[in-house]
Amino acid sequence: MDSKKNNTDPKSDNLYIKLRSIGVLFPTNSEELSEFDAIHSEYSYTLNEYITNSSKLFDEVENEEKDLESKINITQTKPIRNLYFKRAVLAAEITAQLYDEPTFGHVKLQKLIYLCEHAANYDLSHKYVKEAAGPYDRKFMHTIDYEFRKQRWFDVKKEKDGYKYTYKPLENLDKYKVYYEKYFSTFNERIQWLISTFRSQKTDIVEIVATLYACSLEIVSRDEPLDENYIIEIFYKWSESKKRFEKKKLLTTLKWMKSVRLYPSVES
C-alpha cells in the first residue's frame, strides 16, 4: 500500500469535506455531535434516486451551497432581502444589548426574536416549531450563529455544559446597524421596549410570555375566542415541562401582556 496515502490526513480530502458538510459522516467529538443533532433534529429519511446516483447527490449539494451563498453574501451594491439575513440583523441588535447579561443565551435570544417579530408586526413568514421551551427553531439559531461569525459581528461559543451559549463582540459589530435601520427603523421603539423589558428577566419568564403568545396565535388562526382558560389549556398541552408553571402565574402574565399590548387580536 502507498505509504504517502497512509500519511495523508483524511479530513483534508475533498470527498471527506463534502460528506461532512451534508452530515453524512458520523461526529468525531462532542461539538460535532451537538451540531449533527441540531442539523438532523427535524429530518426524516426516505430512499430516493440519490441513493444510487452519487453524482446527482453532489450536484444537488453544490447547487444548494451556491444558492445559500447568493442569499447571505453581503454586497455593497445589492440590497439584502433574504429572510435569514433579516433575522440575523434583528438578532444582532438584541445580542449587542444583552450579550453580557448572565441570563442571555440561545433560548432567550430566540424568544426575543419571536416576540420582536410579532409585537412589531414584522412578519418574516417563518414557521417556528413547538419545543419544550416554546416556539423555537434549532436550524434557524445555527444560521444566526453562522452569520454572526461570517460577518465578524460576534464570536459564538458553547459552554462546557453543552447548553449555554455565549457571545463576544467582534471587530465588525457596528456594521449590522445600517441594515437594522433599513429593515427595522419603523418598529425600533417597540423592539427597544421589548429588549429593555426582558433585559434582566430569567429565561423562564421570556419562555412563558413567548409560549402564551404562540398559544394565543394558534387560537386566532382557528377563528376562536381568546379565552384565558383556553389559552392556558393549550399552554399546558404544549409539553410536560410546562406543568411546572402555576396557573396563577400564567393568568397574571396574560393580564400583564394585555395591558402592554403584547397580545394578538382576532383582527391581527
Protein backbone atom coordinates (compact mmCIF):
# COMPACT_ATOMS: atom_id res chain seq x y z
CA MET A 1 0.00 0.00 0.00
CA ASP A 2 1.23 3.53 -0.79
CA SER A 3 2.74 4.96 2.38
CA LYS A 4 2.00 8.51 1.24
CA LYS A 5 -1.71 7.73 1.21
CA ASN A 6 -1.50 6.39 4.74
CA ASN A 7 0.13 9.61 5.95
CA THR A 8 -2.48 11.86 4.36
CA ASP A 9 -4.96 13.38 6.78
CA PRO A 10 -8.37 12.07 5.59
CA LYS A 11 -10.03 15.27 6.85
CA SER A 12 -8.18 17.24 4.13
CA ASP A 13 -9.73 15.09 1.40
CA ASN A 14 -12.36 16.92 -0.71
CA LEU A 15 -14.76 13.98 -0.58
CA TYR A 16 -14.49 13.85 3.22
CA ILE A 17 -15.18 17.59 3.47
CA LYS A 18 -18.20 17.31 1.17
CA LEU A 19 -19.65 14.39 3.11
CA ARG A 20 -19.07 16.15 6.43
CA SER A 21 -20.83 19.29 5.15
CA ILE A 22 -24.03 17.38 4.43
CA GLY A 23 -24.00 15.39 7.65
CA VAL A 24 -23.20 12.00 6.09
CA LEU A 25 -20.26 11.14 8.32
CA PHE A 26 -20.58 10.41 11.99
CA PRO A 27 -19.42 13.05 14.50
CA THR A 28 -15.96 12.56 15.99
CA ASN A 29 -16.27 14.74 19.08
CA SER A 30 -18.91 16.26 21.38
CA GLU A 31 -19.10 19.54 19.46
CA GLU A 32 -19.68 17.78 16.14
CA LEU A 33 -22.26 15.56 17.81
CA SER A 34 -24.23 18.59 19.00
CA GLU A 35 -24.08 20.13 15.53
CA PHE A 36 -25.13 16.81 13.96
CA ASP A 37 -28.14 16.54 16.29
CA ALA A 38 -29.17 20.13 15.53
CA ILE A 39 -28.91 19.67 11.76
CA HIS A 40 -30.89 16.44 11.75
CA SER A 41 -33.41 17.12 14.54
CA GLU A 42 -36.27 17.80 12.14
CA TYR A 43 -35.34 15.46 9.30
CA SER A 44 -36.85 12.17 8.25
CA TYR A 45 -35.14 9.96 5.71
CA THR A 46 -36.51 8.02 2.75
CA LEU A 47 -34.79 6.27 -0.12
CA ASN A 48 -34.69 8.23 -3.35
CA GLU A 49 -32.81 8.45 -6.64
CA TYR A 50 -29.73 9.97 -4.97
CA ILE A 51 -29.04 6.72 -3.10
CA THR A 52 -27.92 5.00 -6.28
CA ASN A 53 -26.62 8.04 -8.11
CA SER A 54 -23.94 9.81 -6.10
CA SER A 55 -23.25 12.39 -8.82
CA LYS A 56 -26.79 13.70 -8.51
CA LEU A 57 -26.35 13.95 -4.75
CA PHE A 58 -23.20 16.05 -5.04
CA ASP A 59 -24.70 18.21 -7.79
CA GLU A 60 -27.66 18.91 -5.54
CA VAL A 61 -25.43 19.81 -2.58
CA GLU A 62 -23.30 22.13 -4.72
CA ASN A 63 -26.40 23.87 -6.05
CA GLU A 64 -27.74 24.34 -2.52
CA GLU A 65 -24.42 25.78 -1.38
CA LYS A 66 -24.36 28.24 -4.29
CA ASP A 67 -27.94 29.23 -3.54
CA LEU A 68 -27.14 29.77 0.15
CA GLU A 69 -24.11 31.90 -0.70
CA SER A 70 -26.16 34.03 -3.08
CA LYS A 71 -28.69 34.66 -0.32
CA ILE A 72 -26.44 35.50 2.60
CA ASN A 73 -23.42 37.19 0.98
CA ILE A 74 -23.37 40.93 1.65
CA THR A 75 -22.51 43.22 -1.28
CA GLN A 76 -22.30 47.00 -1.23
CA THR A 77 -24.41 47.46 -4.35
CA LYS A 78 -27.29 44.99 -3.92
CA PRO A 79 -29.83 45.27 -1.07
CA ILE A 80 -30.12 42.21 1.14
CA ARG A 81 -33.65 40.93 1.34
CA ASN A 82 -33.02 37.41 2.48
CA LEU A 83 -35.23 36.14 5.27
CA TYR A 84 -32.41 34.68 7.34
CA PHE A 85 -30.21 37.72 6.97
CA LYS A 86 -33.01 39.97 8.22
CA ARG A 87 -33.37 37.75 11.25
CA ALA A 88 -29.62 37.83 11.82
CA VAL A 89 -29.74 41.63 11.80
CA LEU A 90 -32.57 41.66 14.34
CA ALA A 91 -30.68 39.09 16.41
CA ALA A 92 -27.57 41.30 16.27
CA GLU A 93 -29.48 44.26 17.69
CA ILE A 94 -30.79 42.15 20.57
CA THR A 95 -27.44 40.46 21.21
CA ALA A 96 -25.49 43.73 21.08
CA GLN A 97 -27.51 44.99 24.04
CA LEU A 98 -27.82 41.79 26.07
CA TYR A 99 -24.73 39.64 25.41
CA ASP A 100 -23.19 40.40 28.80
CA GLU A 101 -26.37 39.68 30.76
CA PRO A 102 -26.00 36.47 32.83
CA THR A 103 -29.43 35.23 31.70
CA PHE A 104 -28.70 35.62 27.98
CA GLY A 105 -28.22 32.64 25.64
CA HIS A 106 -29.73 30.77 22.69
CA VAL A 107 -33.18 30.22 24.18
CA LYS A 108 -33.69 33.76 25.44
CA LEU A 109 -32.40 35.19 22.15
CA GLN A 110 -34.80 33.05 20.10
CA LYS A 111 -37.77 34.02 22.28
CA LEU A 112 -36.96 37.72 21.98
CA ILE A 113 -36.61 37.46 18.20
CA TYR A 114 -40.00 35.76 18.09
CA LEU A 115 -41.65 38.42 20.27
CA CYS A 116 -39.99 41.30 18.40
CA GLU A 117 -41.21 39.99 15.07
CA HIS A 118 -44.80 39.63 16.20
CA ALA A 119 -45.12 42.55 18.58
CA ALA A 120 -43.64 44.89 15.98
CA ASN A 121 -45.96 43.42 13.31
CA TYR A 122 -42.90 42.48 11.29
CA ASP A 123 -43.88 39.11 9.88
CA LEU A 124 -40.89 37.32 8.41
CA SER A 125 -43.09 34.38 7.42
CA HIS A 126 -41.11 31.77 9.29
CA LYS A 127 -42.65 28.70 10.86
CA TYR A 128 -41.48 28.23 14.42
CA VAL A 129 -41.68 24.71 15.78
CA LYS A 130 -43.07 23.57 19.11
CA GLU A 131 -40.39 22.70 21.64
CA ALA A 132 -40.40 22.38 25.42
CA ALA A 133 -39.11 25.94 25.83
CA GLY A 134 -41.72 27.40 23.49
CA PRO A 135 -41.52 28.46 19.84
CA TYR A 136 -38.02 27.57 18.70
CA ASP A 137 -36.04 26.56 15.62
CA ARG A 138 -32.64 24.92 16.01
CA LYS A 139 -31.64 25.29 12.35
CA PHE A 140 -32.50 28.97 12.46
CA MET A 141 -30.34 29.53 15.54
CA HIS A 142 -27.39 27.77 13.92
CA THR A 143 -27.89 30.00 10.87
CA ILE A 144 -27.76 33.03 13.18
CA ASP A 145 -24.53 31.79 14.75
CA TYR A 146 -23.08 31.16 11.29
CA GLU A 147 -23.99 34.68 10.13
CA PHE A 148 -22.59 36.24 13.31
CA ARG A 149 -19.24 34.55 12.74
CA LYS A 150 -19.17 35.18 8.99
CA GLN A 151 -19.89 38.88 9.27
CA ARG A 152 -17.48 39.15 12.23
CA TRP A 153 -20.23 40.59 14.42
CA PHE A 154 -19.93 38.06 17.28
CA ASP A 155 -17.90 35.06 18.22
CA VAL A 156 -20.30 32.37 19.44
CA LYS A 157 -19.18 29.67 21.85
CA LYS A 158 -20.96 26.78 23.51
CA GLU A 159 -20.07 26.32 27.16
CA LYS A 160 -18.80 23.02 28.55
CA ASP A 161 -22.26 22.08 29.85
CA GLY A 162 -23.42 21.83 26.22
CA TYR A 163 -26.41 24.13 26.72
CA LYS A 164 -25.22 27.65 27.45
CA TYR A 165 -24.10 29.84 24.53
CA THR A 166 -22.01 32.98 24.97
CA TYR A 167 -21.45 35.87 22.57
CA LYS A 168 -18.36 38.06 22.26
CA PRO A 169 -18.42 41.22 20.07
CA LEU A 170 -16.04 41.23 17.11
CA GLU A 171 -14.48 43.99 15.03
CA ASN A 172 -17.35 44.40 12.52
CA LEU A 173 -20.20 44.61 15.01
CA ASP A 174 -21.19 48.19 14.16
CA LYS A 175 -21.72 47.25 10.51
CA TYR A 176 -25.03 45.49 11.22
CA LYS A 177 -26.59 48.83 12.20
CA VAL A 178 -27.06 50.11 8.67
CA TYR A 179 -29.13 47.02 7.89
CA TYR A 180 -31.06 47.30 11.14
CA GLU A 181 -32.01 50.86 10.26
CA LYS A 182 -33.10 49.74 6.80
CA TYR A 183 -35.28 46.85 7.95
CA PHE A 184 -36.50 47.76 11.42
CA SER A 185 -36.46 51.53 11.91
CA THR A 186 -40.27 51.71 11.73
CA PHE A 187 -40.54 49.24 14.62
CA ASN A 188 -37.49 50.30 16.60
CA GLU A 189 -39.40 51.84 19.52
CA ARG A 190 -41.33 48.62 20.17
CA ILE A 191 -38.23 46.45 19.73
CA GLN A 192 -36.26 48.58 22.18
CA TRP A 193 -39.11 48.33 24.68
CA LEU A 194 -39.05 44.53 24.46
CA ILE A 195 -35.28 44.37 24.88
CA SER A 196 -35.43 46.68 27.87
CA THR A 197 -38.39 44.87 29.44
CA PHE A 198 -36.74 41.45 29.33
CA ARG A 199 -33.13 42.57 29.77
CA SER A 200 -32.60 41.08 33.24
CA GLN A 201 -35.54 38.66 33.27
CA LYS A 202 -34.82 34.97 33.63
CA THR A 203 -35.25 32.75 30.60
CA ASP A 204 -38.32 31.11 32.20
CA ILE A 205 -40.17 34.43 32.13
CA VAL A 206 -39.46 35.01 28.46
CA GLU A 207 -40.42 31.38 27.80
CA ILE A 208 -43.81 31.86 29.46
CA VAL A 209 -44.58 35.05 27.55
CA ALA A 210 -43.47 33.68 24.16
CA THR A 211 -45.40 30.43 24.63
CA LEU A 212 -48.57 32.19 25.79
CA TYR A 213 -48.31 34.44 22.76
CA ALA A 214 -47.85 31.41 20.47
CA CYS A 215 -50.84 29.66 22.06
CA SER A 216 -52.95 32.78 21.53
CA LEU A 217 -51.91 32.94 17.87
CA GLU A 218 -52.89 29.30 17.48
CA ILE A 219 -56.39 30.14 18.73
CA VAL A 220 -56.62 33.22 16.49
CA SER A 221 -55.65 31.11 13.47
CA ARG A 222 -58.70 28.93 14.16
CA ASP A 223 -61.01 31.98 14.49
CA GLU A 224 -61.83 31.07 18.07
CA PRO A 225 -62.32 33.43 21.04
CA LEU A 226 -59.21 34.30 23.04
CA ASP A 227 -60.45 32.88 26.32
CA GLU A 228 -57.78 32.91 29.05
CA ASN A 229 -58.60 29.44 30.33
CA TYR A 230 -58.42 28.06 26.80
CA ILE A 231 -55.04 29.71 26.24
CA ILE A 232 -53.70 28.14 29.44
CA GLU A 233 -55.15 24.76 28.48
CA ILE A 234 -53.16 24.85 25.23
CA PHE A 235 -50.12 26.11 27.16
CA TYR A 236 -50.13 23.03 29.41
CA LYS A 237 -50.58 20.74 26.41
CA TRP A 238 -47.53 22.27 24.73
CA SER A 239 -45.17 19.98 26.67
CA GLU A 240 -44.94 18.20 30.01
CA SER A 241 -42.36 20.72 31.19
CA LYS A 242 -45.00 23.47 31.10
CA LYS A 243 -46.78 21.97 34.09
CA ARG A 244 -44.12 23.39 36.39
CA PHE A 245 -45.70 26.83 35.95
CA GLU A 246 -48.64 27.62 38.24
CA LYS A 247 -51.91 28.70 36.66
CA LYS A 248 -51.97 31.80 38.84
CA LYS A 249 -48.62 32.86 37.36
CA LEU A 250 -49.94 32.34 33.83
CA LEU A 251 -53.11 34.36 34.49
CA THR A 252 -51.07 37.20 35.95
CA THR A 253 -48.75 37.13 32.93
CA LEU A 254 -51.67 37.16 30.50
CA LYS A 255 -53.14 40.16 32.28
CA TRP A 256 -49.82 41.99 32.03
CA MET A 257 -49.43 41.06 28.33
CA LYS A 258 -52.84 42.58 27.58
CA SER A 259 -52.01 45.74 29.48
CA VAL A 260 -48.85 46.35 27.44
CA ARG A 261 -50.38 45.22 24.13
CA LEU A 262 -48.13 42.18 23.90
CA TYR A 263 -51.11 40.15 22.86
CA PRO A 264 -52.53 39.11 19.49
CA SER A 265 -56.03 40.13 18.44
CA VAL A 266 -58.51 38.37 16.19
CA GLU A 267 -58.10 41.19 13.70
CA SER A 268 -54.32 40.60 13.50
